[in-house]
Amino acid sequence: MNIQIYCLKRNFDVQKAERFFKERRVPYQLVDLKKHALGQKELALFARAAGSAAALLNDAPETRSHPAAYTDDEGYILDAIREHPQFLRTPVVRNGDRAAFGADEGAWSKWLGSEK
């Protein structure tokens, strides 16, 4: 199991994710989006996991003021997120080719159950 937690800043949901995996002694890697630029393949994987690229966008006023919040063009949205990682709904918890968004303990528990 290779858990990665993508975030911009430590907030309650990031702390919840860290605590979840620490309590279960599952190693994880914290990926700071300020230092690590997201690749096209990573974003495509996130979009597949979320159901669409539009589902990756958060509800912040800064995001809603950008044209990406009002288009269905997947490529445009992914490019906007690459340029402005603060538009991404975080934390993104990734396990191989699967990803969950926010504090989704249900998805994390399923991953742990399917690994045994």
PDB file of N, CA and C in Angstrom:
ATOM      1  N   MET A   1       0.847  -1.179   0.000  1.00  0.00           N
ATOM      2  CA  MET A   1       0.000   0.000   0.000  1.00  0.00           C
ATOM      3  C   MET A   1       0.886   1.234   0.000  1.00  0.00           C
ATOM      4  N   ASN A   2       0.575   2.139  -0.916  1.00  0.00           N
ATOM      5  CA  ASN A   2       1.374   3.351  -1.067  1.00  0.00           C
ATOM      6  C   ASN A   2       0.438   4.555  -0.950  1.00  0.00           C
ATOM      7  N   ILE A   3       0.277   5.074   0.256  1.00  0.00           N
ATOM      8  CA  ILE A   3      -0.647   6.170   0.521  1.00  0.00           C
ATOM      9  C   ILE A   3       0.083   7.500   0.375  1.00  0.00           C
ATOM     10  N   GLN A   4      -0.527   8.408  -0.370  1.00  0.00           N
ATOM     11  CA  GLN A   4      -0.019   9.767  -0.498  1.00  0.00           C
ATOM     12  C   GLN A   4      -1.155  10.716  -0.148  1.00  0.00           C
ATOM     13  N   ILE A   5      -0.846  11.728   0.652  1.00  0.00           N
ATOM     14  CA  ILE A   5      -1.834  12.737   1.033  1.00  0.00           C
ATOM     15  C   ILE A   5      -1.384  14.051   0.414  1.00  0.00           C
ATOM     16  N   TYR A   6      -2.138  14.531  -0.574  1.00  0.00           N
ATOM     17  CA  TYR A   6      -1.829  15.783  -1.252  1.00  0.00           C
ATOM     18  C   TYR A   6      -2.570  16.916  -0.547  1.00  0.00           C
ATOM     19  N   CYS A   7      -1.843  17.987  -0.200  1.00  0.00           N
ATOM     20  CA  CYS A   7      -2.486  19.116   0.464  1.00  0.00           C
ATOM     21  C   CYS A   7      -1.706  20.394   0.197  1.00  0.00           C
ATOM     22  N   LEU A   8      -2.356  21.513   0.420  1.00  0.00           N
ATOM     23  CA  LEU A   8      -1.697  22.819   0.313  1.00  0.00           C
ATOM     24  C   LEU A   8      -1.279  23.326   1.686  1.00  0.00           C
ATOM     25  N   LYS A   9      -2.143  23.141   2.644  1.00  0.00           N
ATOM     26  CA  LYS A   9      -1.828  23.558   4.016  1.00  0.00           C
ATOM     27  C   LYS A   9      -2.466  22.556   4.956  1.00  0.00           C
ATOM     28  N   ARG A  10      -1.936  22.486   6.126  1.00  0.00           N
ATOM     29  CA  ARG A  10      -2.487  21.553   7.104  1.00  0.00           C
ATOM     30  C   ARG A  10      -3.761  22.139   7.692  1.00  0.00           C
ATOM     31  N   ASN A  11      -4.838  21.426   7.481  1.00  0.00           N
ATOM     32  CA  ASN A  11      -6.108  21.833   8.065  1.00  0.00           C
ATOM     33  C   ASN A  11      -6.711  20.624   8.774  1.00  0.00           C
ATOM     34  N   PHE A  12      -7.916  20.757   9.243  1.00  0.00           N
ATOM     35  CA  PHE A  12      -8.541  19.695  10.015  1.00  0.00           C
ATOM     36  C   PHE A  12      -8.645  18.398   9.217  1.00  0.00           C
ATOM     37  N   ASP A  13      -9.037  18.482   7.942  1.00  0.00           N
ATOM     38  CA  ASP A  13      -9.192  17.269   7.139  1.00  0.00           C
ATOM     39  C   ASP A  13      -7.858  16.573   6.883  1.00  0.00           C
ATOM     40  N   VAL A  14      -6.806  17.341   6.686  1.00  0.00           N
ATOM     41  CA  VAL A  14      -5.464  16.760   6.493  1.00  0.00           C
ATOM     42  C   VAL A  14      -5.026  16.058   7.775  1.00  0.00           C
ATOM     43  N   GLN A  15      -5.243  16.719   8.911  1.00  0.00           N
ATOM     44  CA  GLN A  15      -4.881  16.126  10.196  1.00  0.00           C
ATOM     45  C   GLN A  15      -5.681  14.851  10.439  1.00  0.00           C
ATOM     46  N   LYS A  16      -6.935  14.842  10.043  1.00  0.00           N
ATOM     47  CA  LYS A  16      -7.783  13.665  10.216  1.00  0.00           C
ATOM     48  C   LYS A  16      -7.237  12.497   9.386  1.00  0.00           C
ATOM     49  N   ALA A  17      -6.821  12.790   8.152  1.00  0.00           N
ATOM     50  CA  ALA A  17      -6.256  11.751   7.291  1.00  0.00           C
ATOM     51  C   ALA A  17      -4.963  11.205   7.887  1.00  0.00           C
ATOM     52  N   GLU A  18      -4.095  12.102   8.346  1.00  0.00           N
ATOM     53  CA  GLU A  18      -2.833  11.664   8.947  1.00  0.00           C
ATOM     54  C   GLU A  18      -3.094  10.793  10.174  1.00  0.00           C
ATOM     55  N   ARG A  19      -4.006  11.231  11.016  1.00  0.00           N
ATOM     56  CA  ARG A  19      -4.326  10.483  12.234  1.00  0.00           C
ATOM     57  C   ARG A  19      -4.895   9.102  11.892  1.00  0.00           C
ATOM     58  N   PHE A  20      -5.770   9.029  10.896  1.00  0.00           N
ATOM     59  CA  PHE A  20      -6.377   7.769  10.473  1.00  0.00           C
ATOM     60  C   PHE A  20      -5.298   6.748  10.122  1.00  0.00           C
ATOM     61  N   PHE A  21      -4.340   7.147   9.295  1.00  0.00           N
ATOM     62  CA  PHE A  21      -3.317   6.199   8.854  1.00  0.00           C
ATOM     63  C   PHE A  21      -2.276   5.928   9.947  1.00  0.00           C
ATOM     64  N   LYS A  22      -1.964   6.932  10.769  1.00  0.00           N
ATOM     65  CA  LYS A  22      -1.030   6.706  11.882  1.00  0.00           C
ATOM     66  C   LYS A  22      -1.593   5.696  12.870  1.00  0.00           C
ATOM     67  N   GLU A  23      -2.874   5.839  13.214  1.00  0.00           N
ATOM     68  CA  GLU A  23      -3.502   4.939  14.183  1.00  0.00           C
ATOM     69  C   GLU A  23      -3.506   3.494  13.695  1.00  0.00           C
ATOM     70  N   ARG A  24      -3.527   3.311  12.386  1.00  0.00           N
ATOM     71  CA  ARG A  24      -3.557   1.961  11.813  1.00  0.00           C
ATOM     72  C   ARG A  24      -2.175   1.503  11.354  1.00  0.00           C
ATOM     73  N   ARG A  25      -1.169   2.296  11.713  1.00  0.00           N
ATOM     74  CA  ARG A  25       0.235   2.012  11.368  1.00  0.00           C
ATOM     75  C   ARG A  25       0.436   1.766   9.876  1.00  0.00           C
ATOM     76  N   VAL A  26      -0.222   2.592   9.079  1.00  0.00           N
ATOM     77  CA  VAL A  26      -0.073   2.529   7.623  1.00  0.00           C
ATOM     78  C   VAL A  26       0.837   3.687   7.220  1.00  0.00           C
ATOM     79  N   PRO A  27       1.975   3.392   6.608  1.00  0.00           N
ATOM     80  CA  PRO A  27       2.869   4.475   6.201  1.00  0.00           C
ATOM     81  C   PRO A  27       2.227   5.317   5.098  1.00  0.00           C
ATOM     82  N   TYR A  28       2.491   6.602   5.129  1.00  0.00           N
ATOM     83  CA  TYR A  28       1.956   7.512   4.124  1.00  0.00           C
ATOM     84  C   TYR A  28       2.998   8.579   3.831  1.00  0.00           C
ATOM     85  N   GLN A  29       2.808   9.255   2.710  1.00  0.00           N
ATOM     86  CA  GLN A  29       3.685  10.340   2.320  1.00  0.00           C
ATOM     87  C   GLN A  29       2.833  11.591   2.197  1.00  0.00           C
ATOM     88  N   LEU A  30       3.251  12.680   2.831  1.00  0.00           N
ATOM     89  CA  LEU A  30       2.546  13.948   2.726  1.00  0.00           C
ATOM     90  C   LEU A  30       3.153  14.725   1.565  1.00  0.00           C
ATOM     91  N   VAL A  31       2.337  15.091   0.590  1.00  0.00           N
ATOM     92  CA  VAL A  31       2.802  15.801  -0.598  1.00  0.00           C
ATOM     93  C   VAL A  31       2.289  17.234  -0.534  1.00  0.00           C
ATOM     94  N   ASP A  32       3.217  18.178  -0.379  1.00  0.00           N
ATOM     95  CA  ASP A  32       2.880  19.597  -0.304  1.00  0.00           C
ATOM     96  C   ASP A  32       2.742  20.140  -1.720  1.00  0.00           C
ATOM     97  N   LEU A  33       1.560  20.570  -2.095  1.00  0.00           N
ATOM     98  CA  LEU A  33       1.318  21.050  -3.451  1.00  0.00           C
ATOM     99  C   LEU A  33       2.003  22.381  -3.743  1.00  0.00           C
ATOM    100  N   LYS A  34       2.494  23.050  -2.709  1.00  0.00           N
ATOM    101  CA  LYS A  34       3.274  24.274  -2.937  1.00  0.00           C
ATOM    102  C   LYS A  34       4.654  23.922  -3.479  1.00  0.00           C
ATOM    103  N   LYS A  35       5.147  22.749  -3.140  1.00  0.00           N
ATOM    104  CA  LYS A  35       6.490  22.326  -3.556  1.00  0.00           C
ATOM    105  C   LYS A  35       6.452  21.335  -4.713  1.00  0.00           C
ATOM    106  N   HIS A  36       5.384  20.557  -4.820  1.00  0.00           N
ATOM    107  CA  HIS A  36       5.267  19.497  -5.821  1.00  0.00           C
ATOM    108  C   HIS A  36       4.226  19.890  -6.868  1.00  0.00           C
ATOM    109  N   ALA A  37       4.677  20.106  -8.102  1.00  0.00           N
ATOM    110  CA  ALA A  37       3.739  20.425  -9.179  1.00  0.00           C
ATOM    111  C   ALA A  37       3.049  19.140  -9.629  1.00  0.00           C
ATOM    112  N   LEU A  38       1.748  19.198  -9.757  1.00  0.00           N
ATOM    113  CA  LEU A  38       0.986  18.033 -10.195  1.00  0.00           C
ATOM    114  C   LEU A  38       1.229  17.764 -11.674  1.00  0.00           C
ATOM    115  N   GLY A  39       1.390  16.504 -12.014  1.00  0.00           N
ATOM    116  CA  GLY A  39       1.566  16.105 -13.403  1.00  0.00           C
ATOM    117  C   GLY A  39       0.239  15.846 -14.066  1.00  0.00           C
ATOM    118  N   GLN A  40       0.267  15.770 -15.379  1.00  0.00           N
ATOM    119  CA  GLN A  40      -0.959  15.532 -16.151  1.00  0.00           C
ATOM    120  C   GLN A  40      -1.576  14.176 -15.800  1.00  0.00           C
ATOM    121  N   LYS A  41      -0.734  13.155 -15.630  1.00  0.00           N
ATOM    122  CA  LYS A  41      -1.256  11.818 -15.309  1.00  0.00           C
ATOM    123  C   LYS A  41      -1.886  11.794 -13.919  1.00  0.00           C
ATOM    124  N   GLU A  42      -1.267  12.486 -12.965  1.00  0.00           N
ATOM    125  CA  GLU A  42      -1.847  12.546 -11.616  1.00  0.00           C
ATOM    126  C   GLU A  42      -3.225  13.197 -11.664  1.00  0.00           C
ATOM    127  N   LEU A  43      -3.313  14.321 -12.352  1.00  0.00           N
ATOM    128  CA  LEU A  43      -4.601  15.017 -12.442  1.00  0.00           C
ATOM    129  C   LEU A  43      -5.651  14.183 -13.170  1.00  0.00           C
ATOM    130  N   ALA A  44      -5.239  13.483 -14.214  1.00  0.00           N
ATOM    131  CA  ALA A  44      -6.183  12.624 -14.937  1.00  0.00           C
ATOM    132  C   ALA A  44      -6.694  11.520 -14.021  1.00  0.00           C
ATOM    133  N   LEU A  45      -5.809  10.938 -13.200  1.00  0.00           N
ATOM    134  CA  LEU A  45      -6.217   9.908 -12.238  1.00  0.00           C
ATOM    135  C   LEU A  45      -7.204  10.489 -11.225  1.00  0.00           C
ATOM    136  N   PHE A  46      -6.920  11.695 -10.731  1.00  0.00           N
ATOM    137  CA  PHE A  46      -7.823  12.345  -9.776  1.00  0.00           C
ATOM    138  C   PHE A  46      -9.189  12.585 -10.418  1.00  0.00           C
ATOM    139  N   ALA A  47      -9.198  13.045 -11.675  1.00  0.00           N
ATOM    140  CA  ALA A  47     -10.461  13.327 -12.363  1.00  0.00           C
ATOM    141  C   ALA A  47     -11.273  12.044 -12.541  1.00  0.00           C
ATOM    142  N   ARG A  48     -10.612  10.941 -12.897  1.00  0.00           N
ATOM    143  CA  ARG A  48     -11.325   9.648 -13.025  1.00  0.00           C
ATOM    144  C   ARG A  48     -11.914   9.242 -11.682  1.00  0.00           C
ATOM    145  N   ALA A  49     -11.142   9.396 -10.620  1.00  0.00           N
ATOM    146  CA  ALA A  49     -11.611   9.003  -9.288  1.00  0.00           C
ATOM    147  C   ALA A  49     -12.776   9.879  -8.824  1.00  0.00           C
ATOM    148  N   ALA A  50     -12.748  11.158  -9.185  1.00  0.00           N
ATOM    149  CA  ALA A  50     -13.807  12.084  -8.758  1.00  0.00           C
ATOM    150  C   ALA A  50     -15.040  11.996  -9.653  1.00  0.00           C
ATOM    151  N   GLY A  51     -14.886  11.409 -10.835  1.00  0.00           N
ATOM    152  CA  GLY A  51     -16.009  11.317 -11.758  1.00  0.00           C
ATOM    153  C   GLY A  51     -15.934  12.329 -12.878  1.00  0.00           C
ATOM    154  N   SER A  52     -15.271  13.445 -12.639  1.00  0.00           N
ATOM    155  CA  SER A  52     -15.069  14.467 -13.679  1.00  0.00           C
ATOM    156  C   SER A  52     -14.035  15.464 -13.180  1.00  0.00           C
ATOM    157  N   ALA A  53     -13.480  16.224 -14.099  1.00  0.00           N
ATOM    158  CA  ALA A  53     -12.502  17.245 -13.712  1.00  0.00           C
ATOM    159  C   ALA A  53     -13.186  18.343 -12.896  1.00  0.00           C
ATOM    160  N   ALA A  54     -14.424  18.659 -13.230  1.00  0.00           N
ATOM    161  CA  ALA A  54     -15.147  19.717 -12.508  1.00  0.00           C
ATOM    162  C   ALA A  54     -15.316  19.363 -11.033  1.00  0.00           C
ATOM    163  N   ALA A  55     -15.413  18.065 -10.723  1.00  0.00           N
ATOM    164  CA  ALA A  55     -15.574  17.637  -9.332  1.00  0.00           C
ATOM    165  C   ALA A  55     -14.302  17.850  -8.514  1.00  0.00           C
ATOM    166  N   LEU A  56     -13.189  18.139  -9.173  1.00  0.00           N
ATOM    167  CA  LEU A  56     -11.936  18.391  -8.458  1.00  0.00           C
ATOM    168  C   LEU A  56     -11.868  19.802  -7.894  1.00  0.00           C
ATOM    169  N   LEU A  57     -12.693  20.696  -8.404  1.00  0.00           N
ATOM    170  CA  LEU A  57     -12.626  22.097  -7.992  1.00  0.00           C
ATOM    171  C   LEU A  57     -13.276  22.304  -6.624  1.00  0.00           C
ATOM    172  N   ASN A  58     -12.643  23.146  -5.814  1.00  0.00           N
ATOM    173  CA  ASN A  58     -13.218  23.457  -4.502  1.00  0.00           C
ATOM    174  C   ASN A  58     -14.216  24.605  -4.635  1.00  0.00           C
ATOM    175  N   ASP A  59     -14.824  24.997  -3.520  1.00  0.00           N
ATOM    176  CA  ASP A  59     -15.855  26.036  -3.532  1.00  0.00           C
ATOM    177  C   ASP A  59     -15.351  27.396  -3.083  1.00  0.00           C
ATOM    178  N   ALA A  60     -14.046  27.602  -3.079  1.00  0.00           N
ATOM    179  CA  ALA A  60     -13.489  28.873  -2.618  1.00  0.00           C
ATOM    180  C   ALA A  60     -13.876  30.004  -3.578  1.00  0.00           C
ATOM    181  N   PRO A  61     -14.039  31.211  -3.052  1.00  0.00           N
ATOM    182  CA  PRO A  61     -14.387  32.349  -3.920  1.00  0.00           C
ATOM    183  C   PRO A  61     -13.380  32.552  -5.054  1.00  0.00           C
ATOM    184  N   GLU A  62     -12.110  32.324  -4.761  1.00  0.00           N
ATOM    185  CA  GLU A  62     -11.060  32.478  -5.769  1.00  0.00           C
ATOM    186  C   GLU A  62     -11.298  31.505  -6.936  1.00  0.00           C
ATOM    187  N   THR A  63     -11.724  30.295  -6.618  1.00  0.00           N
ATOM    188  CA  THR A  63     -11.982  29.290  -7.647  1.00  0.00           C
ATOM    189  C   THR A  63     -13.234  29.657  -8.435  1.00  0.00           C
ATOM    190  N   ARG A  64     -14.272  30.082  -7.741  1.00  0.00           N
ATOM    191  CA  ARG A  64     -15.532  30.425  -8.407  1.00  0.00           C
ATOM    192  C   ARG A  64     -15.408  31.643  -9.309  1.00  0.00           C
ATOM    193  N   SER A  65     -14.386  32.472  -9.086  1.00  0.00           N
ATOM    194  CA  SER A  65     -14.196  33.644  -9.937  1.00  0.00           C
ATOM    195  C   SER A  65     -13.394  33.320 -11.198  1.00  0.00           C
ATOM    196  N   HIS A  66     -12.905  32.096 -11.314  1.00  0.00           N
ATOM    197  CA  HIS A  66     -12.113  31.679 -12.476  1.00  0.00           C
ATOM    198  C   HIS A  66     -13.035  31.022 -13.511  1.00  0.00           C
ATOM    199  N   PRO A  67     -12.768  31.231 -14.798  1.00  0.00           N
ATOM    200  CA  PRO A  67     -13.611  30.620 -15.840  1.00  0.00           C
ATOM    201  C   PRO A  67     -13.680  29.090 -15.776  1.00  0.00           C
ATOM    202  N   ALA A  68     -12.696  28.444 -15.199  1.00  0.00           N
ATOM    203  CA  ALA A  68     -12.694  26.979 -15.108  1.00  0.00           C
ATOM    204  C   ALA A  68     -13.887  26.459 -14.317  1.00  0.00           C
ATOM    205  N   ALA A  69     -14.408  27.267 -13.411  1.00  0.00           N
ATOM    206  CA  ALA A  69     -15.544  26.842 -12.597  1.00  0.00           C
ATOM    207  C   ALA A  69     -16.841  26.807 -13.405  1.00  0.00           C
ATOM    208  N   TYR A  70     -16.812  27.365 -14.616  1.00  0.00           N
ATOM    209  CA  TYR A  70     -18.037  27.481 -15.400  1.00  0.00           C
ATOM    210  C   TYR A  70     -17.940  26.800 -16.767  1.00  0.00           C
ATOM    211  N   THR A  71     -17.054  25.837 -16.898  1.00  0.00           N
ATOM    212  CA  THR A  71     -16.907  25.129 -18.166  1.00  0.00           C
ATOM    213  C   THR A  71     -16.962  23.617 -17.947  1.00  0.00           C
ATOM    214  N   ASP A  72     -17.275  22.912 -19.006  1.00  0.00           N
ATOM    215  CA  ASP A  72     -17.263  21.453 -18.968  1.00  0.00           C
ATOM    216  C   ASP A  72     -16.025  20.899 -19.659  1.00  0.00           C
ATOM    217  N   ASP A  73     -15.153  21.773 -20.141  1.00  0.00           N
ATOM    218  CA  ASP A  73     -13.944  21.368 -20.864  1.00  0.00           C
ATOM    219  C   ASP A  73     -12.927  20.790 -19.879  1.00  0.00           C
ATOM    220  N   GLU A  74     -12.823  19.453 -19.865  1.00  0.00           N
ATOM    221  CA  GLU A  74     -11.951  18.754 -18.911  1.00  0.00           C
ATOM    222  C   GLU A  74     -10.498  19.245 -19.010  1.00  0.00           C
ATOM    223  N   GLY A  75     -10.004  19.378 -20.232  1.00  0.00           N
ATOM    224  CA  GLY A  75      -8.618  19.820 -20.439  1.00  0.00           C
ATOM    225  C   GLY A  75      -8.370  21.196 -19.860  1.00  0.00           C
ATOM    226  N   TYR A  76      -9.321  22.099 -20.066  1.00  0.00           N
ATOM    227  CA  TYR A  76      -9.183  23.460 -19.544  1.00  0.00           C
ATOM    228  C   TYR A  76      -9.163  23.456 -18.015  1.00  0.00           C
ATOM    229  N   ILE A  77     -10.044  22.673 -17.426  1.00  0.00           N
ATOM    230  CA  ILE A  77     -10.111  22.598 -15.954  1.00  0.00           C
ATOM    231  C   ILE A  77      -8.815  22.028 -15.396  1.00  0.00           C
ATOM    232  N   LEU A  78      -8.315  20.943 -15.991  1.00  0.00           N
ATOM    233  CA  LEU A  78      -7.072  20.333 -15.499  1.00  0.00           C
ATOM    234  C   LEU A  78      -5.891  21.284 -15.655  1.00  0.00           C
ATOM    235  N   ASP A  79      -5.848  22.022 -16.776  1.00  0.00           N
ATOM    236  CA  ASP A  79      -4.775  23.008 -16.957  1.00  0.00           C
ATOM    237  C   ASP A  79      -4.869  24.111 -15.904  1.00  0.00           C
ATOM    238  N   ALA A  80      -6.094  24.536 -15.585  1.00  0.00           N
ATOM    239  CA  ALA A  80      -6.283  25.574 -14.564  1.00  0.00           C
ATOM    240  C   ALA A  80      -5.808  25.076 -13.207  1.00  0.00           C
ATOM    241  N   ILE A  81      -6.082  23.820 -12.890  1.00  0.00           N
ATOM    242  CA  ILE A  81      -5.633  23.265 -11.606  1.00  0.00           C
ATOM    243  C   ILE A  81      -4.117  23.143 -11.583  1.00  0.00           C
ATOM    244  N   ARG A  82      -3.517  22.784 -12.708  1.00  0.00           N
ATOM    245  CA  ARG A  82      -2.045  22.712 -12.754  1.00  0.00           C
ATOM    246  C   ARG A  82      -1.430  24.087 -12.515  1.00  0.00           C
ATOM    247  N   GLU A  83      -2.035  25.129 -13.087  1.00  0.00           N
ATOM    248  CA  GLU A  83      -1.530  26.485 -12.900  1.00  0.00           C
ATOM    249  C   GLU A  83      -1.839  27.029 -11.510  1.00  0.00           C
ATOM    250  N   HIS A  84      -2.987  26.642 -10.975  1.00  0.00           N
ATOM    251  CA  HIS A  84      -3.462  27.151  -9.681  1.00  0.00           C
ATOM    252  C   HIS A  84      -3.839  25.976  -8.785  1.00  0.00           C
ATOM    253  N   PRO A  85      -2.866  25.304  -8.152  1.00  0.00           N
ATOM    254  CA  PRO A  85      -3.196  24.126  -7.334  1.00  0.00           C
ATOM    255  C   PRO A  85      -4.152  24.429  -6.178  1.00  0.00           C
ATOM    256  N   GLN A  86      -4.290  25.706  -5.815  1.00  0.00           N
ATOM    257  CA  GLN A  86      -5.224  26.059  -4.739  1.00  0.00           C
ATOM    258  C   GLN A  86      -6.671  25.845  -5.154  1.00  0.00           C
ATOM    259  N   PHE A  87      -6.939  25.595  -6.450  1.00  0.00           N
ATOM    260  CA  PHE A  87      -8.297  25.305  -6.911  1.00  0.00           C
ATOM    261  C   PHE A  87      -8.702  23.870  -6.593  1.00  0.00           C
ATOM    262  N   LEU A  88      -7.735  23.008  -6.313  1.00  0.00           N
ATOM    263  CA  LEU A  88      -7.998  21.584  -6.080  1.00  0.00           C
ATOM    264  C   LEU A  88      -8.647  21.357  -4.724  1.00  0.00           C
ATOM    265  N   ARG A  89      -9.667  20.525  -4.722  1.00  0.00           N
ATOM    266  CA  ARG A  89     -10.333  20.125  -3.469  1.00  0.00           C
ATOM    267  C   ARG A  89      -9.372  19.217  -2.701  1.00  0.00           C
ATOM    268  N   THR A  90      -8.975  19.620  -1.533  1.00  0.00           N
ATOM    269  CA  THR A  90      -7.982  18.863  -0.760  1.00  0.00           C
ATOM    270  C   THR A  90      -8.530  18.497   0.609  1.00  0.00           C
ATOM    271  N   PRO A  91      -7.926  17.552   1.297  1.00  0.00           N
ATOM    272  CA  PRO A  91      -6.808  16.754   0.833  1.00  0.00           C
ATOM    273  C   PRO A  91      -7.262  15.691  -0.170  1.00  0.00           C
ATOM    274  N   VAL A  92      -6.338  15.338  -1.044  1.00  0.00           N
ATOM    275  CA  VAL A  92      -6.539  14.210  -1.942  1.00  0.00           C
ATOM    276  C   VAL A  92      -5.699  13.079  -1.373  1.00  0.00           C
ATOM    277  N   VAL A  93      -6.335  11.985  -1.039  1.00  0.00           N
ATOM    278  CA  VAL A  93      -5.620  10.823  -0.501  1.00  0.00           C
ATOM    279  C   VAL A  93      -5.583   9.791  -1.615  1.00  0.00           C
ATOM    280  N   ARG A  94      -4.368   9.427  -2.006  1.00  0.00           N
ATOM    281  CA  ARG A  94      -4.182   8.524  -3.136  1.00  0.00           C
ATOM    282  C   ARG A  94      -3.598   7.200  -2.672  1.00  0.00           C
ATOM    283  N   ASN A  95      -4.142   6.132  -3.226  1.00  0.00           N
ATOM    284  CA  ASN A  95      -3.625   4.784  -2.979  1.00  0.00           C
ATOM    285  C   ASN A  95      -3.500   4.120  -4.345  1.00  0.00           C
ATOM    286  N   GLY A  96      -2.325   4.194  -4.942  1.00  0.00           N
ATOM    287  CA  GLY A  96      -2.120   3.630  -6.269  1.00  0.00           C
ATOM    288  C   GLY A  96      -2.969   4.338  -7.297  1.00  0.00           C
ATOM    289  N   ASP A  97      -3.876   3.608  -7.935  1.00  0.00           N
ATOM    290  CA  ASP A  97      -4.730   4.213  -8.961  1.00  0.00           C
ATOM    291  C   ASP A  97      -6.089   4.637  -8.414  1.00  0.00           C
ATOM    292  N   ARG A  98      -6.223   4.684  -7.094  1.00  0.00           N
ATOM    293  CA  ARG A  98      -7.465   5.126  -6.455  1.00  0.00           C
ATOM    294  C   ARG A  98      -7.203   6.434  -5.712  1.00  0.00           C
ATOM    295  N   ALA A  99      -8.233   7.243  -5.576  1.00  0.00           N
ATOM    296  CA  ALA A  99      -8.100   8.504  -4.856  1.00  0.00           C
ATOM    297  C   ALA A  99      -9.417   8.830  -4.161  1.00  0.00           C
ATOM    298  N   ALA A 100      -9.291   9.495  -3.024  1.00  0.00           N
ATOM    299  CA  ALA A 100     -10.462   9.962  -2.277  1.00  0.00           C
ATOM    300  C   ALA A 100     -10.221  11.422  -1.909  1.00  0.00           C
ATOM    301  N   PHE A 101     -11.284  12.179  -1.771  1.00  0.00           N
ATOM    302  CA  PHE A 101     -11.178  13.614  -1.560  1.00  0.00           C
ATOM    303  C   PHE A 101     -11.795  14.002  -0.228  1.00  0.00           C
ATOM    304  N   GLY A 102     -11.123  14.893   0.488  1.00  0.00           N
ATOM    305  CA  GLY A 102     -11.603  15.308   1.790  1.00  0.00           C
ATOM    306  C   GLY A 102     -11.363  14.207   2.819  1.00  0.00           C
ATOM    307  N   ALA A 103     -12.062  14.276   3.921  1.00  0.00           N
ATOM    308  CA  ALA A 103     -11.909  13.294   5.004  1.00  0.00           C
ATOM    309  C   ALA A 103     -12.874  12.137   4.765  1.00  0.00           C
ATOM    310  N   ASP A 104     -12.534  11.261   3.829  1.00  0.00           N
ATOM    311  CA  ASP A 104     -13.396  10.153   3.426  1.00  0.00           C
ATOM    312  C   ASP A 104     -12.931   8.849   4.071  1.00  0.00           C
ATOM    313  N   GLU A 105     -13.213   8.701   5.362  1.00  0.00           N
ATOM    314  CA  GLU A 105     -12.762   7.523   6.095  1.00  0.00           C
ATOM    315  C   GLU A 105     -13.359   6.230   5.546  1.00  0.00           C
ATOM    316  N   GLY A 106     -14.542   6.305   4.968  1.00  0.00           N
ATOM    317  CA  GLY A 106     -15.163   5.124   4.383  1.00  0.00           C
ATOM    318  C   GLY A 106     -14.318   4.537   3.260  1.00  0.00           C
ATOM    319  N   ALA A 107     -13.851   5.400   2.371  1.00  0.00           N
ATOM    320  CA  ALA A 107     -12.996   4.943   1.262  1.00  0.00           C
ATOM    321  C   ALA A 107     -11.673   4.408   1.804  1.00  0.00           C
ATOM    322  N   TRP A 108     -11.092   5.088   2.758  1.00  0.00           N
ATOM    323  CA  TRP A 108      -9.800   4.653   3.317  1.00  0.00           C
ATOM    324  C   TRP A 108      -9.948   3.284   3.967  1.00  0.00           C
ATOM    325  N   SER A 109     -11.036   3.080   4.693  1.00  0.00           N
ATOM    326  CA  SER A 109     -11.265   1.783   5.350  1.00  0.00           C
ATOM    327  C   SER A 109     -11.423   0.679   4.317  1.00  0.00           C
ATOM    328  N   LYS A 110     -12.108   0.960   3.214  1.00  0.00           N
ATOM    329  CA  LYS A 110     -12.255  -0.029   2.147  1.00  0.00           C
ATOM    330  C   LYS A 110     -10.902  -0.415   1.593  1.00  0.00           C
ATOM    331  N   TRP A 111     -10.016   0.555   1.411  1.00  0.00           N
ATOM    332  CA  TRP A 111      -8.677   0.269   0.899  1.00  0.00           C
ATOM    333  C   TRP A 111      -7.946  -0.664   1.837  1.00  0.00           C
ATOM    334  N   LEU A 112      -8.033  -0.393   3.125  1.00  0.00           N
ATOM    335  CA  LEU A 112      -7.331  -1.218   4.105  1.00  0.00           C
ATOM    336  C   LEU A 112      -7.925  -2.617   4.144  1.00  0.00           C
ATOM    337  N   GLY A 113      -9.231  -2.719   4.013  1.00  0.00           N
ATOM    338  CA  GLY A 113      -9.901  -4.016   4.026  1.00  0.00           C
ATOM    339  C   GLY A 113      -9.571  -4.847   2.801  1.00  0.00           C
ATOM    340  N   SER A 114      -9.419  -4.187   1.653  1.00  0.00           N
ATOM    341  CA  SER A 114      -9.138  -4.926   0.415  1.00  0.00           C
ATOM    342  C   SER A 114      -7.676  -5.313   0.288  1.00  0.00           C
ATOM    343  N   GLU A 115      -6.803  -4.713   1.098  1.00  0.00           N
ATOM    344  CA  GLU A 115      -5.375  -5.034   1.044  1.00  0.00           C
ATOM    345  C   GLU A 115      -5.032  -6.269   1.842  1.00  0.00           C
ATOM    346  N   LYS A 116      -5.916  -6.681   2.738  1.00  0.00           N
ATOM    347  CA  LYS A 116      -5.609  -7.804   3.624  1.00  0.00           C
ATOM    348  C   LYS A 116      -5.784  -9.126   2.945  1.00  0.00           C
TER     349      LYS A 116
END
